[in-house]
C-alpha atoms as a PDB file:
ATOM      1  CA  UNK A   1      -1.961   9.205  -0.164  1.00  0.00           C
ATOM      2  CA  UNK A   2      -5.088  11.618  -2.867  1.00  0.00           C
ATOM      3  CA  UNK A   3      -2.431  13.013  -5.234  1.00  0.00           C
ATOM      4  CA  UNK A   4      -2.578   9.498  -7.344  1.00  0.00           C
ATOM      5  CA  UNK A   5      -5.707   9.638  -7.893  1.00  0.00           C
ATOM      6  CA  UNK A   6      -6.452   9.946 -11.070  1.00  0.00           C
ATOM      7  CA  UNK A   7      -2.853   9.226 -11.811  1.00  0.00           C
ATOM      8  CA  UNK A   8      -2.111   8.775 -15.992  1.00  0.00           C
ATOM      9  CA  UNK A   9       0.773   6.018 -15.671  1.00  0.00           C
ATOM     10  CA  UNK A  10       1.653   3.939 -19.100  1.00  0.00           C
ATOM     11  CA  UNK A  11       3.525   0.598 -16.869  1.00  0.00           C
ATOM     12  CA  UNK A  12       6.134   0.116 -20.095  1.00  0.00           C
ATOM     13  CA  UNK A  13       6.909  -3.393 -19.767  1.00  0.00           C
ATOM     14  CA  UNK A  14       8.446  -5.218 -22.914  1.00  0.00           C
ATOM     15  CA  UNK A  15       5.670  -8.251 -22.263  1.00  0.00           C
ATOM     16  CA  UNK A  16       7.465  -9.793 -19.539  1.00  0.00           C
ATOM     17  CA  UNK A  17       5.419 -10.035 -15.742  1.00  0.00           C
ATOM     18  CA  UNK A  18       7.509  -8.722 -13.614  1.00  0.00           C
ATOM     19  CA  UNK A  19       5.646  -5.400 -13.234  1.00  0.00           C
ATOM     20  CA  UNK A  20       1.934  -7.150 -12.697  1.00  0.00           C
ATOM     21  CA  UNK A  21       2.237  -6.356  -9.618  1.00  0.00           C
ATOM     22  CA  UNK A  22       3.632  -2.864 -10.261  1.00  0.00           C
ATOM     23  CA  UNK A  23       0.548  -2.056 -12.078  1.00  0.00           C
ATOM     24  CA  UNK A  24      -1.766  -3.472  -9.453  1.00  0.00           C
ATOM     25  CA  UNK A  25      -0.521  -1.401  -6.648  1.00  0.00           C
ATOM     26  CA  UNK A  26      -0.453   1.838  -8.105  1.00  0.00           C
ATOM     27  CA  UNK A  27      -4.418   1.169  -9.724  1.00  0.00           C
ATOM     28  CA  UNK A  28      -4.884   0.411  -6.259  1.00  0.00           C
ATOM     29  CA  UNK A  29      -4.109   3.833  -5.223  1.00  0.00           C
ATOM     30  CA  UNK A  30      -6.787   4.971  -8.172  1.00  0.00           C
ATOM     31  CA  UNK A  31      -4.059   5.731 -10.803  1.00  0.00           C
ATOM     32  CA  UNK A  32      -5.321   5.207 -14.755  1.00  0.00           C
ATOM     33  CA  UNK A  33      -2.487   2.393 -15.063  1.00  0.00           C
ATOM     34  CA  UNK A  34      -1.782   1.721 -19.151  1.00  0.00           C
ATOM     35  CA  UNK A  35       0.225  -0.793 -19.814  1.00  0.00           C
ATOM     36  CA  UNK A  36       2.355  -0.802 -22.843  1.00  0.00           C
ATOM     37  CA  UNK A  37       4.473  -4.152 -24.655  1.00  0.00           C
ATOM     38  CA  UNK A  38       6.143  -2.331 -27.223  1.00  0.00           C
ATOM     39  CA  UNK A  39       8.780   1.080 -26.879  1.00  0.00           C
ATOM     40  CA  UNK A  40       6.065   2.728 -30.139  1.00  0.00           C
ATOM     41  CA  UNK A  41       3.678   2.102 -27.558  1.00  0.00           C
ATOM     42  CA  UNK A  42       5.134   4.332 -25.536  1.00  0.00           C
ATOM     43  CA  UNK A  43       5.543   6.989 -28.054  1.00  0.00           C
ATOM     44  CA  UNK A  44       2.259   7.017 -29.053  1.00  0.00           C
ATOM     45  CA  UNK A  45       1.067   7.889 -26.086  1.00  0.00           C
ATOM     46  CA  UNK A  46       3.998  10.507 -25.344  1.00  0.00           C
ATOM     47  CA  UNK A  47       3.033  12.019 -28.884  1.00  0.00           C
ATOM     48  CA  UNK A  48      -1.016  12.510 -27.553  1.00  0.00           C
ATOM     49  CA  UNK A  49      -0.100  14.186 -24.250  1.00  0.00           C
ATOM     50  CA  UNK A  50       1.171  11.787 -22.208  1.00  0.00           C
ATOM     51  CA  UNK A  51       1.559  10.599 -19.042  1.00  0.00           C
ATOM     52  CA  UNK A  52       1.864  11.053 -15.731  1.00  0.00           C
ATOM     53  CA  UNK A  53       4.554   9.147 -14.584  1.00  0.00           C
ATOM     54  CA  UNK A  54       6.134   6.119 -16.420  1.00  0.00           C
ATOM     55  CA  UNK A  55       7.249   3.212 -14.811  1.00  0.00           C
ATOM     56  CA  UNK A  56       9.333   0.361 -16.751  1.00  0.00           C
ATOM     57  CA  UNK A  57      12.293  -2.274 -15.717  1.00  0.00           C
ATOM     58  CA  UNK A  58      15.666  -1.225 -16.053  1.00  0.00           C
ATOM     59  CA  UNK A  59      17.783  -4.614 -15.404  1.00  0.00           C
ATOM     60  CA  UNK A  60      21.472  -4.386 -16.798  1.00  0.00           C
ATOM     61  CA  UNK A  61      21.564  -6.448 -19.609  1.00  0.00           C
ATOM     62  CA  UNK A  62      18.401  -4.833 -21.835  1.00  0.00           C
ATOM     63  CA  UNK A  63      18.456  -1.499 -23.370  1.00  0.00           C
ATOM     64  CA  UNK A  64      15.123  -0.247 -23.792  1.00  0.00           C
ATOM     65  CA  UNK A  65      15.410   1.634 -19.865  1.00  0.00           C
ATOM     66  CA  UNK A  66      17.912   3.632 -21.299  1.00  0.00           C
ATOM     67  CA  UNK A  67      16.503   3.932 -24.494  1.00  0.00           C
ATOM     68  CA  UNK A  68      13.307   5.156 -22.779  1.00  0.00           C
ATOM     69  CA  UNK A  69      15.740   7.310 -20.826  1.00  0.00           C
ATOM     70  CA  UNK A  70      17.098   9.427 -23.703  1.00  0.00           C
ATOM     71  CA  UNK A  71      14.252  12.097 -24.195  1.00  0.00           C
ATOM     72  CA  UNK A  72      15.116  13.028 -28.469  1.00  0.00           C
ATOM     73  CA  UNK A  73      13.773   9.293 -28.694  1.00  0.00           C
ATOM     74  CA  UNK A  74      10.645  10.028 -28.137  1.00  0.00           C
ATOM     75  CA  UNK A  75       9.725  13.948 -27.778  1.00  0.00           C
ATOM     76  CA  UNK A  76      11.519  16.730 -25.189  1.00  0.00           C
ATOM     77  CA  UNK A  77      10.753  16.402 -22.123  1.00  0.00           C
ATOM     78  CA  UNK A  78       9.951  13.358 -20.384  1.00  0.00           C
ATOM     79  CA  UNK A  79       7.006  12.825 -17.287  1.00  0.00           C
ATOM     80  CA  UNK A  80       8.897  11.521 -14.646  1.00  0.00           C
ATOM     81  CA  UNK A  81      10.855   7.489 -15.085  1.00  0.00           C
ATOM     82  CA  UNK A  82      10.474   5.052 -11.655  1.00  0.00           C
ATOM     83  CA  UNK A  83      12.789   1.860 -12.461  1.00  0.00           C
ATOM     84  CA  UNK A  84      11.883  -1.074 -10.757  1.00  0.00           C
ATOM     85  CA  UNK A  85      14.663  -3.313 -10.692  1.00  0.00           C
ATOM     86  CA  UNK A  86      15.479  -7.114  -9.297  1.00  0.00           C
ATOM     87  CA  UNK A  87      19.352  -6.944 -10.028  1.00  0.00           C
ATOM     88  CA  UNK A  88      19.118  -3.392  -7.709  1.00  0.00           C
ATOM     89  CA  UNK A  89      23.516  -1.943  -7.127  1.00  0.00           C
ATOM     90  CA  UNK A  90      24.791   1.286  -6.556  1.00  0.00           C
ATOM     91  CA  UNK A  91      26.562   0.566 -10.975  1.00  0.00           C
ATOM     92  CA  UNK A  92      22.137   0.563 -11.989  1.00  0.00           C
ATOM     93  CA  UNK A  93      21.099   3.464 -10.130  1.00  0.00           C
ATOM     94  CA  UNK A  94      24.081   5.297 -10.605  1.00  0.00           C
ATOM     95  CA  UNK A  95      23.531   4.952 -14.146  1.00  0.00           C
ATOM     96  CA  UNK A  96      19.872   5.887 -14.045  1.00  0.00           C
ATOM     97  CA  UNK A  97      20.163   8.980 -12.381  1.00  0.00           C
ATOM     98  CA  UNK A  98      23.280  10.426 -14.572  1.00  0.00           C
ATOM     99  CA  UNK A  99      20.789   9.520 -17.300  1.00  0.00           C
ATOM    100  CA  UNK A 100      17.300  11.098 -15.475  1.00  0.00           C
ATOM    101  CA  UNK A 101      15.433   8.605 -14.153  1.00  0.00           C
ATOM    102  CA  UNK A 102      13.735   9.670 -11.020  1.00  0.00           C
ATOM    103  CA  UNK A 103      13.921   6.830  -8.531  1.00  0.00           C
ATOM    104  CA  UNK A 104      14.456   3.228  -8.696  1.00  0.00           C
ATOM    105  CA  UNK A 105      12.684   0.697  -6.689  1.00  0.00           C
ATOM    106  CA  UNK A 106      13.319  -2.807  -5.926  1.00  0.00           C
ATOM    107  CA  UNK A 107      11.528  -5.783  -6.382  1.00  0.00           C
ATOM    108  CA  UNK A 108      10.721  -7.591  -4.811  1.00  0.00           C
ATOM    109  CA  UNK A 109       8.094  -5.244  -4.385  1.00  0.00           C
ATOM    110  CA  UNK A 110       8.263  -2.621  -1.314  1.00  0.00           C
ATOM    111  CA  UNK A 111       4.328  -0.998  -1.586  1.00  0.00           C
ATOM    112  CA  UNK A 112       5.664   1.707   0.908  1.00  0.00           C
ATOM    113  CA  UNK A 113       8.654   2.268  -1.195  1.00  0.00           C
ATOM    114  CA  UNK A 114       6.427   2.764  -5.067  1.00  0.00           C
ATOM    115  CA  UNK A 115       3.920   4.631  -2.917  1.00  0.00           C
ATOM    116  CA  UNK A 116       5.981   6.998  -1.743  1.00  0.00           C
ATOM    117  CA  UNK A 117       7.999   7.579  -5.019  1.00  0.00           C
ATOM    118  CA  UNK A 118       4.722   8.100  -7.611  1.00  0.00           C
ATOM    119  CA  UNK A 119       3.954  10.675  -4.966  1.00  0.00           C
ATOM    120  CA  UNK A 120       6.942  12.875  -4.555  1.00  0.00           C
ATOM    121  CA  UNK A 121       6.835  12.943  -9.237  1.00  0.00           C
ATOM    122  CA  UNK A 122       3.840  13.137  -9.023  1.00  0.00           C
ATOM    123  CA  UNK A 123       4.262  17.021  -7.027  1.00  0.00           C
ATOM    124  CA  UNK A 124       7.530  17.442  -7.884  1.00  0.00           C
ATOM    125  CA  UNK A 125       6.225  17.185 -11.473  1.00  0.00           C
ATOM    126  CA  UNK A 126       3.546  19.373 -10.657  1.00  0.00           C
ATOM    127  CA  UNK A 127       5.563  21.432  -9.522  1.00  0.00           C
ATOM    128  CA  UNK A 128       7.242  22.289 -12.161  1.00  0.00           C
ATOM    129  CA  UNK A 129       4.381  22.815 -14.370  1.00  0.00           C
ATOM    130  CA  UNK A 130       3.144  25.555 -11.743  1.00  0.00           C
ATOM    131  CA  UNK A 131       7.161  26.894 -12.507  1.00  0.00           C
ATOM    132  CA  UNK A 132       7.096  26.744 -16.029  1.00  0.00           C
ATOM    133  CA  UNK A 133       3.780  27.858 -16.883  1.00  0.00           C
ATOM    134  CA  UNK A 134       4.309  30.806 -14.532  1.00  0.00           C
ATOM    135  CA  UNK A 135       1.748  30.039 -11.260  1.00  0.00           C
ATOM    136  CA  UNK A 136       3.700  30.568  -8.327  1.00  0.00           C
ATOM    137  CA  UNK A 137       1.642  29.903  -4.520  1.00  0.00           C
END
């Protein structure tokens, strides 16, 4: 999928190894994946022009993904945020969507689903950028 080649991805892991396979899949599709271990690293990345896509892990007991989704914590405009979770259920999904996540992908990782969601997120961001700049096709 050509639309992912060159896509800048911030993979926020919080030093957890579960997302290594996610980074490998995205790199295999031509993405420039930067693994970030702290929220401060993510904040700096966003301030410097930021990634095209943020991928992070969501779980019922952690709050970092909720912090990432609160745009005022980092910047006024976040790129699409895709959550990856091994505790995929309706409650997490609905809360993530309510907080502004682009989508969720379940673990164990289904590579096709990850690529589909990431491609759609990048395509949507591109469309939103063109509309904001007044460029219509």
